[in-house]
């Protein structure tokens, strides 16, 4: 079980580094993401990106649970 947590942690670190070094990463600029820009204010709500991440993580955790049982 500990190996799975270490593996997931390493994946999160890699994803974090990718997002940090590639700020124009297309994941958070999908059609359907809400962006409101005013003069001194920018509101960004990545609804489509959140749904996509949720589906991918659900599939990953489903596969992990099937492997563990």
N, C-alpha and C. Protein backbone atom coordinates (compact mmCIF):
# COMPACT_ATOMS: atom_id res chain seq x y z
N UNK A 1 0.83 -1.19 0.00
CA UNK A 1 0.00 0.00 0.00
C UNK A 1 0.87 1.26 0.00
N UNK A 2 1.97 1.20 0.72
CA UNK A 2 2.86 2.36 0.78
C UNK A 2 3.47 2.66 -0.58
N UNK A 3 3.75 1.62 -1.35
CA UNK A 3 4.33 1.83 -2.68
C UNK A 3 3.37 2.59 -3.59
N UNK A 4 2.08 2.33 -3.44
CA UNK A 4 1.09 3.03 -4.26
C UNK A 4 1.07 4.51 -3.91
N UNK A 5 1.12 4.83 -2.61
CA UNK A 5 1.12 6.24 -2.21
C UNK A 5 2.38 6.95 -2.68
N UNK A 6 3.51 6.27 -2.63
CA UNK A 6 4.75 6.86 -3.13
C UNK A 6 4.64 7.10 -4.63
N UNK A 7 4.11 6.13 -5.37
CA UNK A 7 3.95 6.27 -6.81
C UNK A 7 3.01 7.43 -7.15
N UNK A 8 1.89 7.53 -6.45
CA UNK A 8 0.95 8.62 -6.69
C UNK A 8 1.59 9.97 -6.35
N UNK A 9 2.38 10.01 -5.27
CA UNK A 9 3.08 11.23 -4.91
C UNK A 9 4.08 11.66 -5.97
N UNK A 10 4.79 10.71 -6.52
CA UNK A 10 5.75 11.03 -7.58
C UNK A 10 5.02 11.55 -8.81
N UNK A 11 3.88 10.97 -9.13
CA UNK A 11 3.09 11.45 -10.28
C UNK A 11 2.64 12.89 -10.04
N UNK A 12 2.18 13.19 -8.83
CA UNK A 12 1.77 14.57 -8.52
C UNK A 12 2.94 15.54 -8.60
N UNK A 13 4.11 15.12 -8.16
CA UNK A 13 5.29 15.98 -8.26
C UNK A 13 5.63 16.25 -9.73
N UNK A 14 5.57 15.23 -10.56
CA UNK A 14 5.86 15.40 -11.99
C UNK A 14 4.84 16.33 -12.63
N UNK A 15 3.57 16.15 -12.32
CA UNK A 15 2.52 17.02 -12.86
C UNK A 15 2.75 18.46 -12.38
N UNK A 16 3.09 18.64 -11.12
CA UNK A 16 3.36 19.97 -10.59
C UNK A 16 4.54 20.64 -11.28
N UNK A 17 5.59 19.89 -11.53
CA UNK A 17 6.75 20.45 -12.23
C UNK A 17 6.40 20.83 -13.67
N UNK A 18 5.62 19.99 -14.33
CA UNK A 18 5.19 20.32 -15.69
C UNK A 18 4.39 21.61 -15.70
N UNK A 19 3.44 21.73 -14.77
CA UNK A 19 2.62 22.94 -14.72
C UNK A 19 3.43 24.17 -14.33
N UNK A 20 4.46 23.98 -13.50
CA UNK A 20 5.29 25.11 -13.08
C UNK A 20 6.18 25.61 -14.21
N UNK A 21 6.82 24.69 -14.93
CA UNK A 21 7.76 25.09 -15.96
C UNK A 21 7.09 25.41 -17.30
N UNK A 22 5.95 24.84 -17.57
CA UNK A 22 5.22 25.11 -18.80
C UNK A 22 3.91 25.80 -18.44
N UNK A 23 3.99 27.09 -18.18
CA UNK A 23 2.84 27.85 -17.72
C UNK A 23 1.73 27.92 -18.77
N UNK A 24 2.07 27.75 -20.04
CA UNK A 24 1.05 27.76 -21.09
C UNK A 24 0.59 26.35 -21.43
N UNK A 25 0.64 25.47 -20.44
CA UNK A 25 0.19 24.09 -20.60
C UNK A 25 -1.29 24.10 -20.99
N UNK A 26 -1.67 23.42 -22.07
CA UNK A 26 -3.04 23.56 -22.60
C UNK A 26 -4.13 22.94 -21.75
N UNK A 27 -3.79 22.25 -20.65
CA UNK A 27 -4.81 21.59 -19.85
C UNK A 27 -5.80 22.58 -19.26
N UNK A 28 -5.33 23.72 -18.80
CA UNK A 28 -6.21 24.68 -18.12
C UNK A 28 -6.65 25.81 -19.04
N UNK A 29 -6.65 25.57 -20.33
CA UNK A 29 -7.13 26.55 -21.30
C UNK A 29 -8.05 25.87 -22.31
N UNK A 30 -8.93 25.02 -21.81
CA UNK A 30 -9.83 24.28 -22.68
C UNK A 30 -11.08 25.09 -22.97
N UNK A 31 -11.75 24.82 -24.09
CA UNK A 31 -13.03 25.47 -24.33
C UNK A 31 -14.02 25.06 -23.23
N UNK A 32 -14.76 25.99 -22.73
CA UNK A 32 -15.68 25.72 -21.63
C UNK A 32 -15.19 26.24 -20.30
N UNK A 33 -13.90 26.55 -20.20
CA UNK A 33 -13.37 27.17 -18.99
C UNK A 33 -13.83 28.63 -18.96
N UNK A 34 -14.25 29.09 -17.80
CA UNK A 34 -14.81 30.43 -17.67
C UNK A 34 -13.70 31.41 -17.33
N UNK A 35 -13.55 32.46 -18.14
CA UNK A 35 -12.56 33.51 -17.90
C UNK A 35 -13.27 34.86 -17.99
N UNK A 36 -13.17 35.64 -16.92
CA UNK A 36 -13.73 36.99 -16.90
C UNK A 36 -12.57 37.94 -16.61
N UNK A 37 -12.31 38.85 -17.56
CA UNK A 37 -11.21 39.80 -17.38
C UNK A 37 -11.76 41.22 -17.36
N UNK A 38 -11.39 41.94 -16.32
CA UNK A 38 -11.69 43.37 -16.19
C UNK A 38 -10.37 44.11 -16.16
N UNK A 39 -10.41 45.40 -15.88
CA UNK A 39 -9.16 46.19 -15.88
C UNK A 39 -8.17 45.68 -14.84
N UNK A 40 -8.58 45.57 -13.59
CA UNK A 40 -7.67 45.16 -12.51
C UNK A 40 -8.06 43.82 -11.90
N UNK A 41 -8.80 43.02 -12.62
CA UNK A 41 -9.35 41.80 -12.05
C UNK A 41 -9.46 40.73 -13.12
N UNK A 42 -9.03 39.52 -12.78
CA UNK A 42 -9.20 38.38 -13.67
C UNK A 42 -9.75 37.22 -12.85
N UNK A 43 -10.87 36.67 -13.29
CA UNK A 43 -11.48 35.51 -12.65
C UNK A 43 -11.39 34.35 -13.63
N UNK A 44 -10.87 33.23 -13.16
CA UNK A 44 -10.70 32.07 -14.02
C UNK A 44 -11.25 30.86 -13.29
N UNK A 45 -12.21 30.18 -13.89
CA UNK A 45 -12.79 28.97 -13.31
C UNK A 45 -12.69 27.84 -14.34
N UNK A 46 -11.77 26.90 -14.13
CA UNK A 46 -11.54 25.84 -15.13
C UNK A 46 -12.54 24.69 -15.01
N UNK A 47 -13.79 24.93 -15.36
CA UNK A 47 -14.84 23.91 -15.21
C UNK A 47 -14.59 22.70 -16.09
N UNK A 48 -14.24 22.90 -17.34
CA UNK A 48 -14.00 21.78 -18.26
C UNK A 48 -12.75 21.00 -17.84
N UNK A 49 -11.72 21.73 -17.45
CA UNK A 49 -10.50 21.07 -17.00
C UNK A 49 -10.76 20.26 -15.73
N UNK A 50 -11.58 20.79 -14.83
CA UNK A 50 -11.91 20.07 -13.60
C UNK A 50 -12.67 18.79 -13.89
N UNK A 51 -13.60 18.84 -14.81
CA UNK A 51 -14.35 17.63 -15.18
C UNK A 51 -13.42 16.60 -15.80
N UNK A 52 -12.53 17.04 -16.67
CA UNK A 52 -11.59 16.13 -17.32
C UNK A 52 -10.67 15.47 -16.29
N UNK A 53 -10.14 16.24 -15.37
CA UNK A 53 -9.27 15.70 -14.32
C UNK A 53 -10.05 14.73 -13.44
N UNK A 54 -11.29 15.04 -13.12
CA UNK A 54 -12.12 14.16 -12.31
C UNK A 54 -12.35 12.82 -12.99
N UNK A 55 -12.63 12.84 -14.28
CA UNK A 55 -12.86 11.59 -15.01
C UNK A 55 -11.57 10.75 -15.05
N UNK A 56 -10.46 11.39 -15.31
CA UNK A 56 -9.18 10.66 -15.37
C UNK A 56 -8.82 10.08 -14.01
N UNK A 57 -8.96 10.87 -12.94
CA UNK A 57 -8.63 10.36 -11.61
C UNK A 57 -9.59 9.25 -11.18
N UNK A 58 -10.86 9.37 -11.54
CA UNK A 58 -11.82 8.30 -11.23
C UNK A 58 -11.43 7.00 -11.91
N UNK A 59 -11.01 7.09 -13.16
CA UNK A 59 -10.57 5.89 -13.89
C UNK A 59 -9.32 5.29 -13.26
N UNK A 60 -8.37 6.14 -12.89
CA UNK A 60 -7.13 5.66 -12.28
C UNK A 60 -7.43 4.96 -10.96
N UNK A 61 -8.24 5.58 -10.10
CA UNK A 61 -8.56 4.97 -8.81
C UNK A 61 -9.40 3.70 -8.97
N UNK A 62 -10.24 3.64 -9.99
CA UNK A 62 -11.00 2.42 -10.27
C UNK A 62 -10.05 1.28 -10.66
N UNK A 63 -9.10 1.59 -11.50
CA UNK A 63 -8.14 0.58 -11.92
C UNK A 63 -7.30 0.12 -10.74
N UNK A 64 -6.86 1.06 -9.91
CA UNK A 64 -6.07 0.70 -8.73
C UNK A 64 -6.88 -0.18 -7.79
N UNK A 65 -8.16 0.15 -7.58
CA UNK A 65 -8.98 -0.66 -6.68
C UNK A 65 -9.21 -2.06 -7.25
N UNK A 66 -9.33 -2.17 -8.57
CA UNK A 66 -9.51 -3.49 -9.19
C UNK A 66 -8.24 -4.32 -9.05
N UNK A 67 -7.09 -3.68 -9.12
CA UNK A 67 -5.82 -4.39 -8.99
C UNK A 67 -5.62 -4.85 -7.55
N UNK A 68 -6.02 -4.03 -6.60
CA UNK A 68 -5.81 -4.34 -5.18
C UNK A 68 -6.71 -5.47 -4.70
N UNK A 69 -7.82 -5.69 -5.35
CA UNK A 69 -8.75 -6.75 -4.90
C UNK A 69 -8.60 -7.90 -5.76
